[in-house]
Amino acid sequence: KDIALANKETLVTAGHLIMPMAEKY
C-alpha cells in the first residue's frame, strides 16, 4: 500500500526501517 503519511512518529523513531522497506516493496 502507498502511505499518505500524517503520523510524525513513524519516521522520527523508525525512519531507518520505514524508508528502506518502502523502497523494497
PDBML (XML) file of the C-alpha atoms, coordinates in Angstrom:
<?xml version="1.0" encoding="UTF-8" ?>
<PDBx:datablock datablockName="MODEL"
   xmlns:PDBx="http://pdbml.pdb.org/schema/pdbx-v50.xsd"
   xmlns:xsi="http://www.w3.org/2001/XMLSchema-instance"
   xsi:schemaLocation="http://pdbml.pdb.org/schema/pdbx-v50.xsd pdbx-v50.xsd">
   <PDBx:atom_siteCategory>
      <PDBx:atom_site id="1">
         <PDBx:B_iso_or_equiv>0.00</PDBx:B_iso_or_equiv>
         <PDBx:Cartn_x>0.000</PDBx:Cartn_x>
         <PDBx:Cartn_y>0.000</PDBx:Cartn_y>
         <PDBx:Cartn_z>0.000</PDBx:Cartn_z>
         <PDBx:auth_asym_id>A</PDBx:auth_asym_id>
         <PDBx:auth_atom_id>CA</PDBx:auth_atom_id>
         <PDBx:auth_comp_id>LYS</PDBx:auth_comp_id>
         <PDBx:auth_seq_id>1</PDBx:auth_seq_id>
         <PDBx:group_PDB>ATOM</PDBx:group_PDB>
         <PDBx:label_alt_id xsi:nil="true" />
         <PDBx:label_asym_id>A</PDBx:label_asym_id>
         <PDBx:label_atom_id>CA</PDBx:label_atom_id>
         <PDBx:label_comp_id>LYS</PDBx:label_comp_id>
         <PDBx:label_entity_id>1</PDBx:label_entity_id>
         <PDBx:label_seq_id>1</PDBx:label_seq_id>
         <PDBx:occupancy>1.00</PDBx:occupancy>
         <PDBx:pdbx_PDB_model_num>1</PDBx:pdbx_PDB_model_num>
         <PDBx:type_symbol>C</PDBx:type_symbol>
      </PDBx:atom_site>
      <PDBx:atom_site id="2">
         <PDBx:B_iso_or_equiv>0.00</PDBx:B_iso_or_equiv>
         <PDBx:Cartn_x>1.089</PDBx:Cartn_x>
         <PDBx:Cartn_y>3.569</PDBx:Cartn_y>
         <PDBx:Cartn_z>-0.640</PDBx:Cartn_z>
         <PDBx:auth_asym_id>A</PDBx:auth_asym_id>
         <PDBx:auth_atom_id>CA</PDBx:auth_atom_id>
         <PDBx:auth_comp_id>ASP</PDBx:auth_comp_id>
         <PDBx:auth_seq_id>2</PDBx:auth_seq_id>
         <PDBx:group_PDB>ATOM</PDBx:group_PDB>
         <PDBx:label_alt_id xsi:nil="true" />
         <PDBx:label_asym_id>A</PDBx:label_asym_id>
         <PDBx:label_atom_id>CA</PDBx:label_atom_id>
         <PDBx:label_comp_id>ASP</PDBx:label_comp_id>
         <PDBx:label_entity_id>1</PDBx:label_entity_id>
         <PDBx:label_seq_id>2</PDBx:label_seq_id>
         <PDBx:occupancy>1.00</PDBx:occupancy>
         <PDBx:pdbx_PDB_model_num>1</PDBx:pdbx_PDB_model_num>
         <PDBx:type_symbol>C</PDBx:type_symbol>
      </PDBx:atom_site>
      <PDBx:atom_site id="3">
         <PDBx:B_iso_or_equiv>0.00</PDBx:B_iso_or_equiv>
         <PDBx:Cartn_x>1.237</PDBx:Cartn_x>
         <PDBx:Cartn_y>5.587</PDBx:Cartn_y>
         <PDBx:Cartn_z>2.590</PDBx:Cartn_z>
         <PDBx:auth_asym_id>A</PDBx:auth_asym_id>
         <PDBx:auth_atom_id>CA</PDBx:auth_atom_id>
         <PDBx:auth_comp_id>ILE</PDBx:auth_comp_id>
         <PDBx:auth_seq_id>3</PDBx:auth_seq_id>
         <PDBx:group_PDB>ATOM</PDBx:group_PDB>
         <PDBx:label_alt_id xsi:nil="true" />
         <PDBx:label_asym_id>A</PDBx:label_asym_id>
         <PDBx:label_atom_id>CA</PDBx:label_atom_id>
         <PDBx:label_comp_id>ILE</PDBx:label_comp_id>
         <PDBx:label_entity_id>1</PDBx:label_entity_id>
         <PDBx:label_seq_id>3</PDBx:label_seq_id>
         <PDBx:occupancy>1.00</PDBx:occupancy>
         <PDBx:pdbx_PDB_model_num>1</PDBx:pdbx_PDB_model_num>
         <PDBx:type_symbol>C</PDBx:type_symbol>
      </PDBx:atom_site>
      <PDBx:atom_site id="4">
         <PDBx:B_iso_or_equiv>0.00</PDBx:B_iso_or_equiv>
         <PDBx:Cartn_x>-0.327</PDBx:Cartn_x>
         <PDBx:Cartn_y>9.032</PDBx:Cartn_y>
         <PDBx:Cartn_z>2.952</PDBx:Cartn_z>
         <PDBx:auth_asym_id>A</PDBx:auth_asym_id>
         <PDBx:auth_atom_id>CA</PDBx:auth_atom_id>
         <PDBx:auth_comp_id>ALA</PDBx:auth_comp_id>
         <PDBx:auth_seq_id>4</PDBx:auth_seq_id>
         <PDBx:group_PDB>ATOM</PDBx:group_PDB>
         <PDBx:label_alt_id xsi:nil="true" />
         <PDBx:label_asym_id>A</PDBx:label_asym_id>
         <PDBx:label_atom_id>CA</PDBx:label_atom_id>
         <PDBx:label_comp_id>ALA</PDBx:label_comp_id>
         <PDBx:label_entity_id>1</PDBx:label_entity_id>
         <PDBx:label_seq_id>4</PDBx:label_seq_id>
         <PDBx:occupancy>1.00</PDBx:occupancy>
         <PDBx:pdbx_PDB_model_num>1</PDBx:pdbx_PDB_model_num>
         <PDBx:type_symbol>C</PDBx:type_symbol>
      </PDBx:atom_site>
      <PDBx:atom_site id="5">
         <PDBx:B_iso_or_equiv>0.00</PDBx:B_iso_or_equiv>
         <PDBx:Cartn_x>1.765</PDBx:Cartn_x>
         <PDBx:Cartn_y>9.873</PDBx:Cartn_y>
         <PDBx:Cartn_z>5.993</PDBx:Cartn_z>
         <PDBx:auth_asym_id>A</PDBx:auth_asym_id>
         <PDBx:auth_atom_id>CA</PDBx:auth_atom_id>
         <PDBx:auth_comp_id>LEU</PDBx:auth_comp_id>
         <PDBx:auth_seq_id>5</PDBx:auth_seq_id>
         <PDBx:group_PDB>ATOM</PDBx:group_PDB>
         <PDBx:label_alt_id xsi:nil="true" />
         <PDBx:label_asym_id>A</PDBx:label_asym_id>
         <PDBx:label_atom_id>CA</PDBx:label_atom_id>
         <PDBx:label_comp_id>LEU</PDBx:label_comp_id>
         <PDBx:label_entity_id>1</PDBx:label_entity_id>
         <PDBx:label_seq_id>5</PDBx:label_seq_id>
         <PDBx:occupancy>1.00</PDBx:occupancy>
         <PDBx:pdbx_PDB_model_num>1</PDBx:pdbx_PDB_model_num>
         <PDBx:type_symbol>C</PDBx:type_symbol>
      </PDBx:atom_site>
      <PDBx:atom_site id="6">
         <PDBx:B_iso_or_equiv>0.00</PDBx:B_iso_or_equiv>
         <PDBx:Cartn_x>0.382</PDBx:Cartn_x>
         <PDBx:Cartn_y>12.185</PDBx:Cartn_y>
         <PDBx:Cartn_z>8.677</PDBx:Cartn_z>
         <PDBx:auth_asym_id>A</PDBx:auth_asym_id>
         <PDBx:auth_atom_id>CA</PDBx:auth_atom_id>
         <PDBx:auth_comp_id>ALA</PDBx:auth_comp_id>
         <PDBx:auth_seq_id>6</PDBx:auth_seq_id>
         <PDBx:group_PDB>ATOM</PDBx:group_PDB>
         <PDBx:label_alt_id xsi:nil="true" />
         <PDBx:label_asym_id>A</PDBx:label_asym_id>
         <PDBx:label_atom_id>CA</PDBx:label_atom_id>
         <PDBx:label_comp_id>ALA</PDBx:label_comp_id>
         <PDBx:label_entity_id>1</PDBx:label_entity_id>
         <PDBx:label_seq_id>6</PDBx:label_seq_id>
         <PDBx:occupancy>1.00</PDBx:occupancy>
         <PDBx:pdbx_PDB_model_num>1</PDBx:pdbx_PDB_model_num>
         <PDBx:type_symbol>C</PDBx:type_symbol>
      </PDBx:atom_site>
      <PDBx:atom_site id="7">
         <PDBx:B_iso_or_equiv>0.00</PDBx:B_iso_or_equiv>
         <PDBx:Cartn_x>1.895</PDBx:Cartn_x>
         <PDBx:Cartn_y>10.292</PDBx:Cartn_y>
         <PDBx:Cartn_z>11.629</PDBx:Cartn_z>
         <PDBx:auth_asym_id>A</PDBx:auth_asym_id>
         <PDBx:auth_atom_id>CA</PDBx:auth_atom_id>
         <PDBx:auth_comp_id>ASN</PDBx:auth_comp_id>
         <PDBx:auth_seq_id>7</PDBx:auth_seq_id>
         <PDBx:group_PDB>ATOM</PDBx:group_PDB>
         <PDBx:label_alt_id xsi:nil="true" />
         <PDBx:label_asym_id>A</PDBx:label_asym_id>
         <PDBx:label_atom_id>CA</PDBx:label_atom_id>
         <PDBx:label_comp_id>ASN</PDBx:label_comp_id>
         <PDBx:label_entity_id>1</PDBx:label_entity_id>
         <PDBx:label_seq_id>7</PDBx:label_seq_id>
         <PDBx:occupancy>1.00</PDBx:occupancy>
         <PDBx:pdbx_PDB_model_num>1</PDBx:pdbx_PDB_model_num>
         <PDBx:type_symbol>C</PDBx:type_symbol>
      </PDBx:atom_site>
      <PDBx:atom_site id="8">
         <PDBx:B_iso_or_equiv>0.00</PDBx:B_iso_or_equiv>
         <PDBx:Cartn_x>5.166</PDBx:Cartn_x>
         <PDBx:Cartn_y>12.018</PDBx:Cartn_y>
         <PDBx:Cartn_z>12.561</PDBx:Cartn_z>
         <PDBx:auth_asym_id>A</PDBx:auth_asym_id>
         <PDBx:auth_atom_id>CA</PDBx:auth_atom_id>
         <PDBx:auth_comp_id>LYS</PDBx:auth_comp_id>
         <PDBx:auth_seq_id>8</PDBx:auth_seq_id>
         <PDBx:group_PDB>ATOM</PDBx:group_PDB>
         <PDBx:label_alt_id xsi:nil="true" />
         <PDBx:label_asym_id>A</PDBx:label_asym_id>
         <PDBx:label_atom_id>CA</PDBx:label_atom_id>
         <PDBx:label_comp_id>LYS</PDBx:label_comp_id>
         <PDBx:label_entity_id>1</PDBx:label_entity_id>
         <PDBx:label_seq_id>8</PDBx:label_seq_id>
         <PDBx:occupancy>1.00</PDBx:occupancy>
         <PDBx:pdbx_PDB_model_num>1</PDBx:pdbx_PDB_model_num>
         <PDBx:type_symbol>C</PDBx:type_symbol>
      </PDBx:atom_site>
      <PDBx:atom_site id="9">
         <PDBx:B_iso_or_equiv>0.00</PDBx:B_iso_or_equiv>
         <PDBx:Cartn_x>6.310</PDBx:Cartn_x>
         <PDBx:Cartn_y>9.370</PDBx:Cartn_y>
         <PDBx:Cartn_z>14.989</PDBx:Cartn_z>
         <PDBx:auth_asym_id>A</PDBx:auth_asym_id>
         <PDBx:auth_atom_id>CA</PDBx:auth_atom_id>
         <PDBx:auth_comp_id>GLU</PDBx:auth_comp_id>
         <PDBx:auth_seq_id>9</PDBx:auth_seq_id>
         <PDBx:group_PDB>ATOM</PDBx:group_PDB>
         <PDBx:label_alt_id xsi:nil="true" />
         <PDBx:label_asym_id>A</PDBx:label_asym_id>
         <PDBx:label_atom_id>CA</PDBx:label_atom_id>
         <PDBx:label_comp_id>GLU</PDBx:label_comp_id>
         <PDBx:label_entity_id>1</PDBx:label_entity_id>
         <PDBx:label_seq_id>9</PDBx:label_seq_id>
         <PDBx:occupancy>1.00</PDBx:occupancy>
         <PDBx:pdbx_PDB_model_num>1</PDBx:pdbx_PDB_model_num>
         <PDBx:type_symbol>C</PDBx:type_symbol>
      </PDBx:atom_site>
      <PDBx:atom_site id="10">
         <PDBx:B_iso_or_equiv>0.00</PDBx:B_iso_or_equiv>
         <PDBx:Cartn_x>6.657</PDBx:Cartn_x>
         <PDBx:Cartn_y>6.706</PDBx:Cartn_y>
         <PDBx:Cartn_z>12.293</PDBx:Cartn_z>
         <PDBx:auth_asym_id>A</PDBx:auth_asym_id>
         <PDBx:auth_atom_id>CA</PDBx:auth_atom_id>
         <PDBx:auth_comp_id>THR</PDBx:auth_comp_id>
         <PDBx:auth_seq_id>10</PDBx:auth_seq_id>
         <PDBx:group_PDB>ATOM</PDBx:group_PDB>
         <PDBx:label_alt_id xsi:nil="true" />
         <PDBx:label_asym_id>A</PDBx:label_asym_id>
         <PDBx:label_atom_id>CA</PDBx:label_atom_id>
         <PDBx:label_comp_id>THR</PDBx:label_comp_id>
         <PDBx:label_entity_id>1</PDBx:label_entity_id>
         <PDBx:label_seq_id>10</PDBx:label_seq_id>
         <PDBx:occupancy>1.00</PDBx:occupancy>
         <PDBx:pdbx_PDB_model_num>1</PDBx:pdbx_PDB_model_num>
         <PDBx:type_symbol>C</PDBx:type_symbol>
      </PDBx:atom_site>
      <PDBx:atom_site id="11">
         <PDBx:B_iso_or_equiv>0.00</PDBx:B_iso_or_equiv>
         <PDBx:Cartn_x>9.662</PDBx:Cartn_x>
         <PDBx:Cartn_y>8.321</PDBx:Cartn_y>
         <PDBx:Cartn_z>10.626</PDBx:Cartn_z>
         <PDBx:auth_asym_id>A</PDBx:auth_asym_id>
         <PDBx:auth_atom_id>CA</PDBx:auth_atom_id>
         <PDBx:auth_comp_id>LEU</PDBx:auth_comp_id>
         <PDBx:auth_seq_id>11</PDBx:auth_seq_id>
         <PDBx:group_PDB>ATOM</PDBx:group_PDB>
         <PDBx:label_alt_id xsi:nil="true" />
         <PDBx:label_asym_id>A</PDBx:label_asym_id>
         <PDBx:label_atom_id>CA</PDBx:label_atom_id>
         <PDBx:label_comp_id>LEU</PDBx:label_comp_id>
         <PDBx:label_entity_id>1</PDBx:label_entity_id>
         <PDBx:label_seq_id>11</PDBx:label_seq_id>
         <PDBx:occupancy>1.00</PDBx:occupancy>
         <PDBx:pdbx_PDB_model_num>1</PDBx:pdbx_PDB_model_num>
         <PDBx:type_symbol>C</PDBx:type_symbol>
      </PDBx:atom_site>
      <PDBx:atom_site id="12">
         <PDBx:B_iso_or_equiv>0.00</PDBx:B_iso_or_equiv>
         <PDBx:Cartn_x>11.003</PDBx:Cartn_x>
         <PDBx:Cartn_y>10.084</PDBx:Cartn_y>
         <PDBx:Cartn_z>13.715</PDBx:Cartn_z>
         <PDBx:auth_asym_id>A</PDBx:auth_asym_id>
         <PDBx:auth_atom_id>CA</PDBx:auth_atom_id>
         <PDBx:auth_comp_id>VAL</PDBx:auth_comp_id>
         <PDBx:auth_seq_id>12</PDBx:auth_seq_id>
         <PDBx:group_PDB>ATOM</PDBx:group_PDB>
         <PDBx:label_alt_id xsi:nil="true" />
         <PDBx:label_asym_id>A</PDBx:label_asym_id>
         <PDBx:label_atom_id>CA</PDBx:label_atom_id>
         <PDBx:label_comp_id>VAL</PDBx:label_comp_id>
         <PDBx:label_entity_id>1</PDBx:label_entity_id>
         <PDBx:label_seq_id>12</PDBx:label_seq_id>
         <PDBx:occupancy>1.00</PDBx:occupancy>
         <PDBx:pdbx_PDB_model_num>1</PDBx:pdbx_PDB_model_num>
         <PDBx:type_symbol>C</PDBx:type_symbol>
      </PDBx:atom_site>
      <PDBx:atom_site id="13">
         <PDBx:B_iso_or_equiv>0.00</PDBx:B_iso_or_equiv>
         <PDBx:Cartn_x>11.559</PDBx:Cartn_x>
         <PDBx:Cartn_y>6.816</PDBx:Cartn_y>
         <PDBx:Cartn_z>15.551</PDBx:Cartn_z>
         <PDBx:auth_asym_id>A</PDBx:auth_asym_id>
         <PDBx:auth_atom_id>CA</PDBx:auth_atom_id>
         <PDBx:auth_comp_id>THR</PDBx:auth_comp_id>
         <PDBx:auth_seq_id>13</PDBx:auth_seq_id>
         <PDBx:group_PDB>ATOM</PDBx:group_PDB>
         <PDBx:label_alt_id xsi:nil="true" />
         <PDBx:label_asym_id>A</PDBx:label_asym_id>
         <PDBx:label_atom_id>CA</PDBx:label_atom_id>
         <PDBx:label_comp_id>THR</PDBx:label_comp_id>
         <PDBx:label_entity_id>1</PDBx:label_entity_id>
         <PDBx:label_seq_id>13</PDBx:label_seq_id>
         <PDBx:occupancy>1.00</PDBx:occupancy>
         <PDBx:pdbx_PDB_model_num>1</PDBx:pdbx_PDB_model_num>
         <PDBx:type_symbol>C</PDBx:type_symbol>
      </PDBx:atom_site>
      <PDBx:atom_site id="14">
         <PDBx:B_iso_or_equiv>0.00</PDBx:B_iso_or_equiv>
         <PDBx:Cartn_x>11.718</PDBx:Cartn_x>
         <PDBx:Cartn_y>4.264</PDBx:Cartn_y>
         <PDBx:Cartn_z>12.728</PDBx:Cartn_z>
         <PDBx:auth_asym_id>A</PDBx:auth_asym_id>
         <PDBx:auth_atom_id>CA</PDBx:auth_atom_id>
         <PDBx:auth_comp_id>ALA</PDBx:auth_comp_id>
         <PDBx:auth_seq_id>14</PDBx:auth_seq_id>
         <PDBx:group_PDB>ATOM</PDBx:group_PDB>
         <PDBx:label_alt_id xsi:nil="true" />
         <PDBx:label_asym_id>A</PDBx:label_asym_id>
         <PDBx:label_atom_id>CA</PDBx:label_atom_id>
         <PDBx:label_comp_id>ALA</PDBx:label_comp_id>
         <PDBx:label_entity_id>1</PDBx:label_entity_id>
         <PDBx:label_seq_id>14</PDBx:label_seq_id>
         <PDBx:occupancy>1.00</PDBx:occupancy>
         <PDBx:pdbx_PDB_model_num>1</PDBx:pdbx_PDB_model_num>
         <PDBx:type_symbol>C</PDBx:type_symbol>
      </PDBx:atom_site>
      <PDBx:atom_site id="15">
         <PDBx:B_iso_or_equiv>0.00</PDBx:B_iso_or_equiv>
         <PDBx:Cartn_x>12.732</PDBx:Cartn_x>
         <PDBx:Cartn_y>6.144</PDBx:Cartn_y>
         <PDBx:Cartn_z>9.585</PDBx:Cartn_z>
         <PDBx:auth_asym_id>A</PDBx:auth_asym_id>
         <PDBx:auth_atom_id>CA</PDBx:auth_atom_id>
         <PDBx:auth_comp_id>GLY</PDBx:auth_comp_id>
         <PDBx:auth_seq_id>15</PDBx:auth_seq_id>
         <PDBx:group_PDB>ATOM</PDBx:group_PDB>
         <PDBx:label_alt_id xsi:nil="true" />
         <PDBx:label_asym_id>A</PDBx:label_asym_id>
         <PDBx:label_atom_id>CA</PDBx:label_atom_id>
         <PDBx:label_comp_id>GLY</PDBx:label_comp_id>
         <PDBx:label_entity_id>1</PDBx:label_entity_id>
         <PDBx:label_seq_id>15</PDBx:label_seq_id>
         <PDBx:occupancy>1.00</PDBx:occupancy>
         <PDBx:pdbx_PDB_model_num>1</PDBx:pdbx_PDB_model_num>
         <PDBx:type_symbol>C</PDBx:type_symbol>
      </PDBx:atom_site>
      <PDBx:atom_site id="16">
         <PDBx:B_iso_or_equiv>0.00</PDBx:B_iso_or_equiv>
         <PDBx:Cartn_x>15.781</PDBx:Cartn_x>
         <PDBx:Cartn_y>3.893</PDBx:Cartn_y>
         <PDBx:Cartn_z>9.228</PDBx:Cartn_z>
         <PDBx:auth_asym_id>A</PDBx:auth_asym_id>
         <PDBx:auth_atom_id>CA</PDBx:auth_atom_id>
         <PDBx:auth_comp_id>HIS</PDBx:auth_comp_id>
         <PDBx:auth_seq_id>16</PDBx:auth_seq_id>
         <PDBx:group_PDB>ATOM</PDBx:group_PDB>
         <PDBx:label_alt_id xsi:nil="true" />
         <PDBx:label_asym_id>A</PDBx:label_asym_id>
         <PDBx:label_atom_id>CA</PDBx:label_atom_id>
         <PDBx:label_comp_id>HIS</PDBx:label_comp_id>
         <PDBx:label_entity_id>1</PDBx:label_entity_id>
         <PDBx:label_seq_id>16</PDBx:label_seq_id>
         <PDBx:occupancy>1.00</PDBx:occupancy>
         <PDBx:pdbx_PDB_model_num>1</PDBx:pdbx_PDB_model_num>
         <PDBx:type_symbol>C</PDBx:type_symbol>
      </PDBx:atom_site>
      <PDBx:atom_site id="17">
         <PDBx:B_iso_or_equiv>0.00</PDBx:B_iso_or_equiv>
         <PDBx:Cartn_x>13.381</PDBx:Cartn_x>
         <PDBx:Cartn_y>0.941</PDBx:Cartn_y>
         <PDBx:Cartn_z>8.975</PDBx:Cartn_z>
         <PDBx:auth_asym_id>A</PDBx:auth_asym_id>
         <PDBx:auth_atom_id>CA</PDBx:auth_atom_id>
         <PDBx:auth_comp_id>LEU</PDBx:auth_comp_id>
         <PDBx:auth_seq_id>17</PDBx:auth_seq_id>
         <PDBx:group_PDB>ATOM</PDBx:group_PDB>
         <PDBx:label_alt_id xsi:nil="true" />
         <PDBx:label_asym_id>A</PDBx:label_asym_id>
         <PDBx:label_atom_id>CA</PDBx:label_atom_id>
         <PDBx:label_comp_id>LEU</PDBx:label_comp_id>
         <PDBx:label_entity_id>1</PDBx:label_entity_id>
         <PDBx:label_seq_id>17</PDBx:label_seq_id>
         <PDBx:occupancy>1.00</PDBx:occupancy>
         <PDBx:pdbx_PDB_model_num>1</PDBx:pdbx_PDB_model_num>
         <PDBx:type_symbol>C</PDBx:type_symbol>
      </PDBx:atom_site>
      <PDBx:atom_site id="18">
         <PDBx:B_iso_or_equiv>0.00</PDBx:B_iso_or_equiv>
         <PDBx:Cartn_x>10.481</PDBx:Cartn_x>
         <PDBx:Cartn_y>2.512</PDBx:Cartn_y>
         <PDBx:Cartn_z>7.063</PDBx:Cartn_z>
         <PDBx:auth_asym_id>A</PDBx:auth_asym_id>
         <PDBx:auth_atom_id>CA</PDBx:auth_atom_id>
         <PDBx:auth_comp_id>ILE</PDBx:auth_comp_id>
         <PDBx:auth_seq_id>18</PDBx:auth_seq_id>
         <PDBx:group_PDB>ATOM</PDBx:group_PDB>
         <PDBx:label_alt_id xsi:nil="true" />
         <PDBx:label_asym_id>A</PDBx:label_asym_id>
         <PDBx:label_atom_id>CA</PDBx:label_atom_id>
         <PDBx:label_comp_id>ILE</PDBx:label_comp_id>
         <PDBx:label_entity_id>1</PDBx:label_entity_id>
         <PDBx:label_seq_id>18</PDBx:label_seq_id>
         <PDBx:occupancy>1.00</PDBx:occupancy>
         <PDBx:pdbx_PDB_model_num>1</PDBx:pdbx_PDB_model_num>
         <PDBx:type_symbol>C</PDBx:type_symbol>
      </PDBx:atom_site>
      <PDBx:atom_site id="19">
         <PDBx:B_iso_or_equiv>0.00</PDBx:B_iso_or_equiv>
         <PDBx:Cartn_x>12.276</PDBx:Cartn_x>
         <PDBx:Cartn_y>4.130</PDBx:Cartn_y>
         <PDBx:Cartn_z>4.132</PDBx:Cartn_z>
         <PDBx:auth_asym_id>A</PDBx:auth_asym_id>
         <PDBx:auth_atom_id>CA</PDBx:auth_atom_id>
         <PDBx:auth_comp_id>MET</PDBx:auth_comp_id>
         <PDBx:auth_seq_id>19</PDBx:auth_seq_id>
         <PDBx:group_PDB>ATOM</PDBx:group_PDB>
         <PDBx:label_alt_id xsi:nil="true" />
         <PDBx:label_asym_id>A</PDBx:label_asym_id>
         <PDBx:label_atom_id>CA</PDBx:label_atom_id>
         <PDBx:label_comp_id>MET</PDBx:label_comp_id>
         <PDBx:label_entity_id>1</PDBx:label_entity_id>
         <PDBx:label_seq_id>19</PDBx:label_seq_id>
         <PDBx:occupancy>1.00</PDBx:occupancy>
         <PDBx:pdbx_PDB_model_num>1</PDBx:pdbx_PDB_model_num>
         <PDBx:type_symbol>C</PDBx:type_symbol>
      </PDBx:atom_site>
      <PDBx:atom_site id="20">
         <PDBx:B_iso_or_equiv>0.00</PDBx:B_iso_or_equiv>
         <PDBx:Cartn_x>14.260</PDBx:Cartn_x>
         <PDBx:Cartn_y>1.004</PDBx:Cartn_y>
         <PDBx:Cartn_z>3.094</PDBx:Cartn_z>
         <PDBx:auth_asym_id>A</PDBx:auth_asym_id>
         <PDBx:auth_atom_id>CA</PDBx:auth_atom_id>
         <PDBx:auth_comp_id>PRO</PDBx:auth_comp_id>
         <PDBx:auth_seq_id>20</PDBx:auth_seq_id>
         <PDBx:group_PDB>ATOM</PDBx:group_PDB>
         <PDBx:label_alt_id xsi:nil="true" />
         <PDBx:label_asym_id>A</PDBx:label_asym_id>
         <PDBx:label_atom_id>CA</PDBx:label_atom_id>
         <PDBx:label_comp_id>PRO</PDBx:label_comp_id>
         <PDBx:label_entity_id>1</PDBx:label_entity_id>
         <PDBx:label_seq_id>20</PDBx:label_seq_id>
         <PDBx:occupancy>1.00</PDBx:occupancy>
         <PDBx:pdbx_PDB_model_num>1</PDBx:pdbx_PDB_model_num>
         <PDBx:type_symbol>C</PDBx:type_symbol>
      </PDBx:atom_site>
      <PDBx:atom_site id="21">
         <PDBx:B_iso_or_equiv>0.00</PDBx:B_iso_or_equiv>
         <PDBx:Cartn_x>11.036</PDBx:Cartn_x>
         <PDBx:Cartn_y>-1.038</PDBx:Cartn_y>
         <PDBx:Cartn_z>3.421</PDBx:Cartn_z>
         <PDBx:auth_asym_id>A</PDBx:auth_asym_id>
         <PDBx:auth_atom_id>CA</PDBx:auth_atom_id>
         <PDBx:auth_comp_id>MET</PDBx:auth_comp_id>
         <PDBx:auth_seq_id>21</PDBx:auth_seq_id>
         <PDBx:group_PDB>ATOM</PDBx:group_PDB>
         <PDBx:label_alt_id xsi:nil="true" />
         <PDBx:label_asym_id>A</PDBx:label_asym_id>
         <PDBx:label_atom_id>CA</PDBx:label_atom_id>
         <PDBx:label_comp_id>MET</PDBx:label_comp_id>
         <PDBx:label_entity_id>1</PDBx:label_entity_id>
         <PDBx:label_seq_id>21</PDBx:label_seq_id>
         <PDBx:occupancy>1.00</PDBx:occupancy>
         <PDBx:pdbx_PDB_model_num>1</PDBx:pdbx_PDB_model_num>
         <PDBx:type_symbol>C</PDBx:type_symbol>
      </PDBx:atom_site>
      <PDBx:atom_site id="22">
         <PDBx:B_iso_or_equiv>0.00</PDBx:B_iso_or_equiv>
         <PDBx:Cartn_x>9.159</PDBx:Cartn_x>
         <PDBx:Cartn_y>1.371</PDBx:Cartn_y>
         <PDBx:Cartn_z>1.167</PDBx:Cartn_z>
         <PDBx:auth_asym_id>A</PDBx:auth_asym_id>
         <PDBx:auth_atom_id>CA</PDBx:auth_atom_id>
         <PDBx:auth_comp_id>ALA</PDBx:auth_comp_id>
         <PDBx:auth_seq_id>22</PDBx:auth_seq_id>
         <PDBx:group_PDB>ATOM</PDBx:group_PDB>
         <PDBx:label_alt_id xsi:nil="true" />
         <PDBx:label_asym_id>A</PDBx:label_asym_id>
         <PDBx:label_atom_id>CA</PDBx:label_atom_id>
         <PDBx:label_comp_id>ALA</PDBx:label_comp_id>
         <PDBx:label_entity_id>1</PDBx:label_entity_id>
         <PDBx:label_seq_id>22</PDBx:label_seq_id>
         <PDBx:occupancy>1.00</PDBx:occupancy>
         <PDBx:pdbx_PDB_model_num>1</PDBx:pdbx_PDB_model_num>
         <PDBx:type_symbol>C</PDBx:type_symbol>
      </PDBx:atom_site>
      <PDBx:atom_site id="23">
         <PDBx:B_iso_or_equiv>0.00</PDBx:B_iso_or_equiv>
         <PDBx:Cartn_x>11.903</PDBx:Cartn_x>
         <PDBx:Cartn_y>1.088</PDBx:Cartn_y>
         <PDBx:Cartn_z>-1.445</PDBx:Cartn_z>
         <PDBx:auth_asym_id>A</PDBx:auth_asym_id>
         <PDBx:auth_atom_id>CA</PDBx:auth_atom_id>
         <PDBx:auth_comp_id>GLU</PDBx:auth_comp_id>
         <PDBx:auth_seq_id>23</PDBx:auth_seq_id>
         <PDBx:group_PDB>ATOM</PDBx:group_PDB>
         <PDBx:label_alt_id xsi:nil="true" />
         <PDBx:label_asym_id>A</PDBx:label_asym_id>
         <PDBx:label_atom_id>CA</PDBx:label_atom_id>
         <PDBx:label_comp_id>GLU</PDBx:label_comp_id>
         <PDBx:label_entity_id>1</PDBx:label_entity_id>
         <PDBx:label_seq_id>23</PDBx:label_seq_id>
         <PDBx:occupancy>1.00</PDBx:occupancy>
         <PDBx:pdbx_PDB_model_num>1</PDBx:pdbx_PDB_model_num>
         <PDBx:type_symbol>C</PDBx:type_symbol>
      </PDBx:atom_site>
      <PDBx:atom_site id="24">
         <PDBx:B_iso_or_equiv>0.00</PDBx:B_iso_or_equiv>
         <PDBx:Cartn_x>11.992</PDBx:Cartn_x>
         <PDBx:Cartn_y>-2.709</PDBx:Cartn_y>
         <PDBx:Cartn_z>-1.155</PDBx:Cartn_z>
         <PDBx:auth_asym_id>A</PDBx:auth_asym_id>
         <PDBx:auth_atom_id>CA</PDBx:auth_atom_id>
         <PDBx:auth_comp_id>LYS</PDBx:auth_comp_id>
         <PDBx:auth_seq_id>24</PDBx:auth_seq_id>
         <PDBx:group_PDB>ATOM</PDBx:group_PDB>
         <PDBx:label_alt_id xsi:nil="true" />
         <PDBx:label_asym_id>A</PDBx:label_asym_id>
         <PDBx:label_atom_id>CA</PDBx:label_atom_id>
         <PDBx:label_comp_id>LYS</PDBx:label_comp_id>
         <PDBx:label_entity_id>1</PDBx:label_entity_id>
         <PDBx:label_seq_id>24</PDBx:label_seq_id>
         <PDBx:occupancy>1.00</PDBx:occupancy>
         <PDBx:pdbx_PDB_model_num>1</PDBx:pdbx_PDB_model_num>
         <PDBx:type_symbol>C</PDBx:type_symbol>
      </PDBx:atom_site>
      <PDBx:atom_site id="25">
         <PDBx:B_iso_or_equiv>0.00</PDBx:B_iso_or_equiv>
         <PDBx:Cartn_x>8.225</PDBx:Cartn_x>
         <PDBx:Cartn_y>-3.083</PDBx:Cartn_y>
         <PDBx:Cartn_z>-1.639</PDBx:Cartn_z>
         <PDBx:auth_asym_id>A</PDBx:auth_asym_id>
         <PDBx:auth_atom_id>CA</PDBx:auth_atom_id>
         <PDBx:auth_comp_id>TYR</PDBx:auth_comp_id>
         <PDBx:auth_seq_id>25</PDBx:auth_seq_id>
         <PDBx:group_PDB>ATOM</PDBx:group_PDB>
         <PDBx:label_alt_id xsi:nil="true" />
         <PDBx:label_asym_id>A</PDBx:label_asym_id>
         <PDBx:label_atom_id>CA</PDBx:label_atom_id>
         <PDBx:label_comp_id>TYR</PDBx:label_comp_id>
         <PDBx:label_entity_id>1</PDBx:label_entity_id>
         <PDBx:label_seq_id>25</PDBx:label_seq_id>
         <PDBx:occupancy>1.00</PDBx:occupancy>
         <PDBx:pdbx_PDB_model_num>1</PDBx:pdbx_PDB_model_num>
         <PDBx:type_symbol>C</PDBx:type_symbol>
      </PDBx:atom_site>
   </PDBx:atom_siteCategory>
</PDBx:datablock>
